[in-house]
Amino acid sequence: KRKPLFFEQGDLGNNKRLGYGVPLVNDQNKMYGSVIVLSRKDKTLTQSFADYHLLIWSVSIALIITVFISIGMAKKFVKPIHDMEQFTDDLIKQKYSSTLDIKTKDELATLGSKLAVLSDRLAFAKNEQDNKEKSQKLFLSQISHELRTPVMVIKNSLETLNSDFLNETEKKDYIHHLMKETEQLNLLVNDLLELSRLQSTEFSIITEELNLNYVIQDSMRSYRPILKDKNQSISFESDINEEPMFVGDYQRLLQLMKILIDNASKYSADNSVIDVHLKKVGNNYEVSVRNTPNFEIDEVRMSHIFDAFNRGSEKQENGHGLGLTIAEQIVKRHFGKIYFQIIDNSMVEVVIKL
């Protein structure tokens, strides 16, 4: 039995050893032996480091490898961020042709895909804006051209009337001609104002429940005198027997049908028939106006039929080519669709889906 327990260290002479001893005592507290551990005296701190040099080198190499791995992983992590930064700079500079390919499978890849979607939408919006600006410039150019002619005619006529070279009969002819030009100019200005109002986002239509049969019949009634002058007739057929109720602007829809009937009458031969058909397809109403034009049908021309001031080669007809443009805007205001189609290479049909 060893009691109490203590530790002692001493020098064992010149044998270059150190002794570490623990005494052994009995119950009477008398020592009857000891446990001694001998160690070489030259086991210094330097020698201890030398014994552990392999461990030190292993730790150092592991630390260096860890640093290089960390740098590589940091670059791999930062590269997608750098790519997205460069991609965002291109978006700011409106360079939408750049591509972004994030191959990670984390939140960065999700963010990259959203940036790509944003780029596509910005490119689409930029293209729409460019097209709108081109359309506006073309529209203004066309307006200037359309206004220039009547203004110059009125100006020249007034200058002629102001001179003393005309007799009373000639003056009356000039005044009559001036009245016609003024009326055409007034119609053009009204059409431009109407088109501008319909295209404005602040303009709203007045909706009510109405009967499309009555709208079409009222528009036909208004044009009977004009059709009679050209010996033309109009045929109306409706597949809807019950009371067709549609929520829309009665005056605008009436204006729409008048434009289509006027256009069909204007560009059809005398003694021709204009067919109007109303039917219901599912929850939608479909109105079609069909006529045989008095000119050669051109599919390229039909594709631009709703463009402003588009009258083709039939410029001898009254009007300024804004009617169908206004008709298209009225249909858009009712969230519908309008389009032209050619039937048997001889007839033209405009279809409205509401």
Protein backbone atom coordinates (compact mmCIF):
# COMPACT_ATOMS: atom_id res chain seq x y z
CA LYS A 1 0.00 0.00 0.00
CA ARG A 2 1.41 3.43 -0.99
CA LYS A 3 0.38 6.33 1.06
CA PRO A 4 0.69 9.26 0.65
CA LEU A 5 1.42 9.58 -3.04
CA PHE A 6 4.05 12.11 -4.14
CA PHE A 7 6.54 12.58 -6.93
CA GLU A 8 10.26 13.38 -6.79
CA GLN A 9 12.92 14.01 -9.45
CA GLY A 10 16.66 13.74 -9.00
CA ASP A 11 20.01 13.47 -10.73
CA LEU A 12 21.61 10.03 -10.67
CA GLY A 13 25.24 11.03 -10.61
CA ASN A 14 27.15 11.33 -13.87
CA ASN A 15 25.48 8.49 -15.69
CA LYS A 16 23.47 10.98 -17.71
CA ARG A 17 20.26 9.76 -16.31
CA LEU A 18 17.35 11.31 -14.55
CA GLY A 19 15.30 9.39 -12.07
CA TYR A 20 11.62 9.83 -11.34
CA GLY A 21 10.59 8.06 -8.14
CA VAL A 22 7.50 7.40 -6.09
CA PRO A 23 7.97 6.01 -2.52
CA LEU A 24 6.02 3.02 -1.24
CA VAL A 25 4.90 3.13 2.44
CA ASN A 26 2.92 0.77 4.68
CA ASP A 27 0.16 1.36 7.18
CA GLN A 28 2.66 2.54 9.78
CA ASN A 29 3.84 5.13 7.31
CA LYS A 30 7.19 3.43 6.93
CA MET A 31 8.72 3.29 3.50
CA TYR A 32 9.52 -0.15 2.35
CA GLY A 33 10.35 0.52 -1.27
CA SER A 34 9.97 2.85 -4.26
CA VAL A 35 9.16 2.89 -7.94
CA ILE A 36 11.79 4.67 -10.04
CA VAL A 37 11.66 5.47 -13.74
CA LEU A 38 15.00 6.32 -15.32
CA SER A 39 15.41 8.65 -18.30
CA ARG A 40 18.47 9.78 -20.19
CA LYS A 41 19.70 13.13 -19.03
CA ASP A 42 20.29 14.45 -22.54
CA LYS A 43 16.53 14.12 -23.34
CA THR A 44 16.30 17.89 -23.74
CA LEU A 45 13.60 20.09 -25.30
CA THR A 46 15.56 20.23 -28.56
CA GLN A 47 15.68 16.47 -28.65
CA SER A 48 11.93 16.38 -28.05
CA PHE A 49 11.32 18.61 -31.09
CA ALA A 50 13.62 16.39 -33.12
CA ASP A 51 11.58 13.36 -32.09
CA TYR A 52 8.44 15.11 -33.31
CA HIS A 53 9.84 16.52 -36.59
CA LEU A 54 7.73 14.10 -38.67
CA LEU A 55 4.59 15.28 -36.96
CA ILE A 56 5.57 18.93 -37.47
CA TRP A 57 6.27 18.40 -41.16
CA SER A 58 3.02 16.48 -41.58
CA VAL A 59 1.04 19.31 -39.97
CA SER A 60 2.84 21.93 -42.10
CA ILE A 61 2.22 20.06 -45.34
CA ALA A 62 -1.42 19.51 -44.36
CA LEU A 63 -1.75 23.24 -43.63
CA ILE A 64 -0.27 24.17 -47.03
CA ILE A 65 -2.55 21.73 -48.84
CA THR A 66 -5.52 23.10 -46.90
CA VAL A 67 -4.62 26.67 -47.95
CA PHE A 68 -4.38 25.71 -51.63
CA ILE A 69 -7.65 23.77 -51.47
CA SER A 70 -9.32 26.72 -49.73
CA ILE A 71 -8.06 29.12 -52.43
CA GLY A 72 -9.35 26.80 -55.16
CA MET A 73 -12.72 26.43 -53.49
CA ALA A 74 -12.92 30.19 -52.94
CA LYS A 75 -12.24 30.84 -56.63
CA LYS A 76 -14.82 28.25 -57.60
CA PHE A 77 -17.34 29.90 -55.31
CA VAL A 78 -16.51 33.47 -56.39
CA LYS A 79 -16.48 32.76 -60.17
CA PRO A 80 -20.30 32.50 -60.50
CA ILE A 81 -20.64 35.75 -58.56
CA HIS A 82 -18.11 37.41 -60.86
CA ASP A 83 -19.94 36.06 -63.92
CA MET A 84 -23.24 37.40 -62.62
CA GLU A 85 -21.63 40.76 -61.92
CA GLN A 86 -20.33 40.94 -65.49
CA PHE A 87 -23.72 39.80 -66.80
CA THR A 88 -25.47 42.51 -64.77
CA ASP A 89 -23.08 45.14 -66.13
CA ASP A 90 -24.01 44.04 -69.66
CA LEU A 91 -27.70 44.38 -68.78
CA ILE A 92 -27.08 47.91 -67.54
CA LYS A 93 -25.36 48.68 -70.85
CA GLN A 94 -28.37 47.11 -72.68
CA LYS A 95 -26.23 44.29 -74.07
CA TYR A 96 -28.79 41.50 -74.01
CA SER A 97 -26.87 39.06 -76.21
CA SER A 98 -24.63 37.93 -73.33
CA THR A 99 -25.17 34.46 -71.89
CA LEU A 100 -24.94 33.30 -68.29
CA ASP A 101 -24.13 29.67 -67.50
CA ILE A 102 -24.00 28.88 -63.78
CA LYS A 103 -23.22 25.17 -63.36
CA THR A 104 -23.53 25.02 -59.60
CA LYS A 105 -26.48 23.31 -57.95
CA ASP A 106 -27.27 25.83 -55.27
CA GLU A 107 -28.93 29.20 -54.75
CA LEU A 108 -26.43 30.83 -57.14
CA ALA A 109 -27.72 28.68 -60.00
CA THR A 110 -31.29 29.75 -59.14
CA LEU A 111 -30.26 33.40 -59.10
CA GLY A 112 -28.43 32.94 -62.42
CA SER A 113 -31.49 31.45 -64.08
CA LYS A 114 -33.62 34.36 -62.86
CA LEU A 115 -31.09 36.83 -64.25
CA ALA A 116 -31.28 35.02 -67.61
CA VAL A 117 -35.09 35.32 -67.58
CA LEU A 118 -34.74 39.01 -66.70
CA SER A 119 -32.37 39.48 -69.64
CA ASP A 120 -34.85 37.86 -72.04
CA ARG A 121 -37.67 40.06 -70.80
CA LEU A 122 -35.55 43.20 -71.01
CA ALA A 123 -34.51 42.26 -74.54
CA PHE A 124 -38.17 41.73 -75.48
CA ALA A 125 -39.15 45.06 -73.89
CA LYS A 126 -36.30 46.83 -75.69
CA ASN A 127 -37.38 45.33 -79.00
CA GLU A 128 -40.99 46.37 -78.36
CA GLN A 129 -39.85 49.86 -77.45
CA ASP A 130 -37.74 50.12 -80.62
CA ASN A 131 -40.64 48.92 -82.75
CA LYS A 132 -42.97 51.37 -81.03
CA GLU A 133 -40.57 54.23 -81.64
CA LYS A 134 -40.25 53.25 -85.30
CA SER A 135 -44.02 53.02 -85.58
CA GLN A 136 -44.43 56.42 -83.95
CA LYS A 137 -41.88 57.99 -86.28
CA LEU A 138 -43.54 56.38 -89.28
CA PHE A 139 -46.96 57.44 -88.00
CA LEU A 140 -45.82 61.04 -87.55
CA SER A 141 -44.25 61.00 -91.00
CA GLN A 142 -47.47 59.68 -92.50
CA ILE A 143 -49.54 62.27 -90.62
CA SER A 144 -47.28 65.01 -91.94
CA HIS A 145 -47.70 63.68 -95.47
CA GLU A 146 -51.48 63.39 -95.14
CA LEU A 147 -51.82 66.85 -93.67
CA ARG A 148 -49.46 68.50 -96.12
CA THR A 149 -51.64 67.86 -99.16
CA PRO A 150 -54.92 69.47 -97.99
CA VAL A 151 -53.06 72.32 -96.29
CA MET A 152 -51.15 73.13 -99.49
CA VAL A 153 -54.34 72.91 -101.56
CA ILE A 154 -56.16 75.23 -99.16
CA LYS A 155 -53.22 77.64 -99.12
CA ASN A 156 -52.93 77.76 -102.91
CA SER A 157 -56.68 78.16 -103.32
CA LEU A 158 -56.74 81.05 -100.86
CA GLU A 159 -53.85 82.74 -102.64
CA THR A 160 -55.69 82.35 -105.93
CA LEU A 161 -58.91 83.75 -104.44
CA ASN A 162 -56.96 86.68 -103.08
CA SER A 163 -55.85 87.61 -106.58
CA ASP A 164 -57.95 89.58 -109.05
CA PHE A 165 -57.76 87.09 -111.92
CA LEU A 166 -60.92 85.09 -111.16
CA ASN A 167 -64.47 85.80 -112.13
CA GLU A 168 -67.43 85.04 -109.88
CA THR A 169 -68.00 81.55 -111.29
CA GLU A 170 -64.37 80.55 -110.81
CA LYS A 171 -64.41 81.97 -107.29
CA LYS A 172 -67.44 79.86 -106.43
CA ASP A 173 -65.68 76.75 -107.80
CA TYR A 174 -62.62 77.49 -105.71
CA ILE A 175 -64.72 78.07 -102.61
CA HIS A 176 -66.57 74.80 -103.20
CA HIS A 177 -63.24 73.02 -103.60
CA LEU A 178 -61.97 74.65 -100.42
CA MET A 179 -65.00 73.42 -98.51
CA LYS A 180 -64.37 69.85 -99.66
CA GLU A 181 -60.70 70.01 -98.71
CA THR A 182 -61.59 71.51 -95.33
CA GLU A 183 -64.11 68.74 -94.74
CA GLN A 184 -61.51 66.08 -95.58
CA LEU A 185 -59.01 67.78 -93.30
CA ASN A 186 -61.59 67.86 -90.51
CA LEU A 187 -62.30 64.13 -90.99
CA LEU A 188 -58.59 63.36 -90.86
CA VAL A 189 -58.09 65.33 -87.65
CA ASN A 190 -61.12 63.65 -86.05
CA ASP A 191 -59.82 60.21 -87.04
CA LEU A 192 -56.41 61.02 -85.60
CA LEU A 193 -57.94 62.22 -82.35
CA GLU A 194 -60.14 59.11 -82.20
CA LEU A 195 -57.17 56.82 -82.78
CA SER A 196 -55.10 58.70 -80.20
CA ARG A 197 -57.87 58.34 -77.61
CA LEU A 198 -58.27 54.61 -78.24
CA GLN A 199 -54.53 54.02 -77.98
CA SER A 200 -54.25 55.98 -74.73
CA THR A 201 -54.00 53.84 -71.60
CA GLU A 202 -56.13 56.36 -69.73
CA PHE A 203 -59.10 55.94 -72.07
CA SER A 204 -61.80 53.56 -70.88
CA ILE A 205 -64.85 52.23 -72.66
CA ILE A 206 -68.38 52.36 -71.26
CA THR A 207 -69.61 48.80 -70.84
CA GLU A 208 -73.18 47.57 -70.64
CA GLU A 209 -75.14 44.43 -71.47
CA LEU A 210 -76.16 44.58 -75.12
CA ASN A 211 -77.54 42.50 -77.96
CA LEU A 212 -75.01 41.98 -80.76
CA ASN A 213 -77.82 41.28 -83.22
CA TYR A 214 -79.15 44.79 -82.61
CA VAL A 215 -75.67 46.33 -82.96
CA ILE A 216 -75.18 44.75 -86.40
CA GLN A 217 -78.71 45.60 -87.55
CA ASP A 218 -78.33 49.24 -86.46
CA SER A 219 -75.05 49.57 -88.35
CA MET A 220 -76.60 48.04 -91.48
CA ARG A 221 -79.54 50.44 -91.25
CA SER A 222 -77.18 53.41 -91.24
CA TYR A 223 -75.48 52.28 -94.47
CA ARG A 224 -78.51 51.34 -96.53
CA PRO A 225 -78.58 54.69 -98.42
CA ILE A 226 -74.88 54.39 -99.28
CA LEU A 227 -75.28 50.77 -100.42
CA LYS A 228 -78.27 51.75 -102.50
CA ASP A 229 -76.23 54.31 -104.44
CA LYS A 230 -73.89 51.52 -105.59
CA ASN A 231 -76.68 48.97 -106.08
CA GLN A 232 -75.06 46.88 -103.38
CA SER A 233 -76.91 44.73 -100.88
CA ILE A 234 -76.02 43.36 -97.47
CA SER A 235 -77.01 39.96 -96.14
CA PHE A 236 -77.10 39.35 -92.39
CA GLU A 237 -77.31 35.84 -90.94
CA SER A 238 -77.30 35.01 -87.23
CA ASP A 239 -77.05 31.52 -85.76
CA ILE A 240 -78.11 32.82 -82.36
CA ASN A 241 -81.83 32.50 -81.68
CA GLU A 242 -81.80 33.30 -77.99
CA GLU A 243 -81.13 36.74 -76.59
CA PRO A 244 -77.36 37.15 -77.07
CA MET A 245 -76.03 39.24 -74.20
CA PHE A 246 -72.56 40.70 -74.44
CA VAL A 247 -70.87 43.18 -72.09
CA GLY A 248 -69.31 45.93 -74.16
CA ASP A 249 -69.48 49.53 -75.37
CA TYR A 250 -72.48 49.86 -77.69
CA GLN A 251 -71.29 53.03 -79.44
CA ARG A 252 -67.79 51.66 -80.03
CA LEU A 253 -69.10 48.33 -81.35
CA LEU A 254 -71.52 50.21 -83.59
CA GLN A 255 -68.59 52.29 -84.84
CA LEU A 256 -66.64 49.07 -85.44
CA MET A 257 -69.39 47.51 -87.58
CA LYS A 258 -69.88 50.75 -89.53
CA ILE A 259 -66.17 50.85 -90.34
CA LEU A 260 -66.20 47.25 -91.59
CA ILE A 261 -69.38 47.69 -93.67
CA ASP A 262 -68.08 50.99 -95.08
CA ASN A 263 -64.76 49.39 -95.94
CA ALA A 264 -66.45 46.39 -97.59
CA SER A 265 -68.75 48.66 -99.60
CA LYS A 266 -65.99 51.04 -100.61
CA TYR A 267 -63.74 48.30 -102.01
CA SER A 268 -66.43 46.12 -103.60
CA ALA A 269 -67.80 46.38 -107.11
CA ASP A 270 -71.27 47.71 -107.87
CA ASN A 271 -74.16 45.23 -107.69
CA SER A 272 -72.19 43.09 -105.21
CA VAL A 273 -73.35 41.48 -101.97
CA ILE A 274 -71.78 41.93 -98.54
CA ASP A 275 -72.31 38.99 -96.19
CA VAL A 276 -72.38 39.48 -92.41
CA HIS A 277 -72.55 36.45 -90.13
CA LEU A 278 -72.91 36.22 -86.34
CA LYS A 279 -72.42 32.98 -84.43
CA LYS A 280 -71.40 31.76 -81.00
CA VAL A 281 -68.39 29.47 -80.57
CA GLY A 282 -68.16 28.23 -76.99
CA ASN A 283 -68.29 31.30 -74.76
CA ASN A 284 -67.17 33.62 -77.56
CA TYR A 285 -69.10 35.55 -80.19
CA GLU A 286 -67.75 35.54 -83.74
CA VAL A 287 -68.69 38.18 -86.32
CA SER A 288 -67.54 37.89 -89.94
CA VAL A 289 -67.90 40.37 -92.81
CA ARG A 290 -67.23 38.95 -96.26
CA ASN A 291 -67.02 40.76 -99.60
CA THR A 292 -65.51 40.43 -103.06
CA PRO A 293 -62.96 43.24 -103.51
CA ASN A 294 -62.68 45.20 -106.75
CA PHE A 295 -58.90 44.83 -106.80
CA GLU A 296 -56.42 41.99 -107.06
CA ILE A 297 -55.92 40.29 -103.71
CA ASP A 298 -52.36 40.44 -102.43
CA GLU A 299 -51.49 38.40 -99.33
CA VAL A 300 -48.58 40.70 -98.49
CA ARG A 301 -50.91 43.66 -98.57
CA MET A 302 -53.46 41.83 -96.44
CA SER A 303 -50.82 41.32 -93.74
CA HIS A 304 -50.58 45.13 -93.37
CA ILE A 305 -54.29 45.80 -93.67
CA PHE A 306 -54.52 47.27 -90.14
CA ASP A 307 -51.57 49.64 -90.54
CA ALA A 308 -52.40 53.33 -90.34
CA PHE A 309 -52.79 55.16 -93.67
CA ASN A 310 -52.62 51.87 -95.57
CA ARG A 311 -54.87 52.25 -98.62
CA GLY A 312 -52.79 50.32 -101.13
CA SER A 313 -53.30 51.43 -104.72
CA GLU A 314 -56.95 52.42 -104.18
CA LYS A 315 -56.17 55.98 -103.09
CA GLN A 316 -58.91 57.40 -105.26
CA GLU A 317 -61.40 56.25 -102.61
CA ASN A 318 -62.38 58.71 -99.89
CA GLY A 319 -60.71 58.24 -96.55
CA HIS A 320 -57.27 58.32 -95.02
CA GLY A 321 -56.61 54.65 -94.23
CA LEU A 322 -57.31 54.99 -90.51
CA GLY A 323 -60.66 53.16 -90.34
CA LEU A 324 -59.32 49.64 -89.92
CA THR A 325 -56.65 50.87 -87.51
CA ILE A 326 -59.41 52.34 -85.33
CA ALA A 327 -61.44 49.12 -85.72
CA GLU A 328 -58.49 47.09 -84.46
CA GLN A 329 -58.14 49.34 -81.40
CA ILE A 330 -61.87 48.98 -80.60
CA VAL A 331 -61.55 45.18 -80.71
CA LYS A 332 -58.47 45.31 -78.48
CA ARG A 333 -60.39 47.45 -76.00
CA HIS A 334 -62.93 44.62 -75.79
CA PHE A 335 -60.11 42.05 -75.30
CA GLY A 336 -60.98 40.43 -78.64
CA LYS A 337 -59.17 39.50 -81.84
CA ILE A 338 -59.62 40.70 -85.40
CA TYR A 339 -57.97 39.34 -88.52
CA PHE A 340 -58.40 39.04 -92.30
CA GLN A 341 -58.40 35.89 -94.36
CA ILE A 342 -58.65 35.18 -98.08
CA ILE A 343 -61.28 32.72 -99.32
CA ASP A 344 -60.94 30.95 -102.70
CA ASN A 345 -58.52 33.66 -103.91
CA SER A 346 -61.50 35.89 -104.69
CA MET A 347 -63.12 36.93 -101.41
CA VAL A 348 -61.87 38.71 -98.33
CA GLU A 349 -63.30 38.03 -94.89
CA VAL A 350 -62.66 39.97 -91.72
CA VAL A 351 -63.33 37.95 -88.57
CA ILE A 352 -63.92 39.39 -85.09
CA LYS A 353 -63.82 37.20 -82.01
CA LEU A 354 -65.24 38.68 -78.83
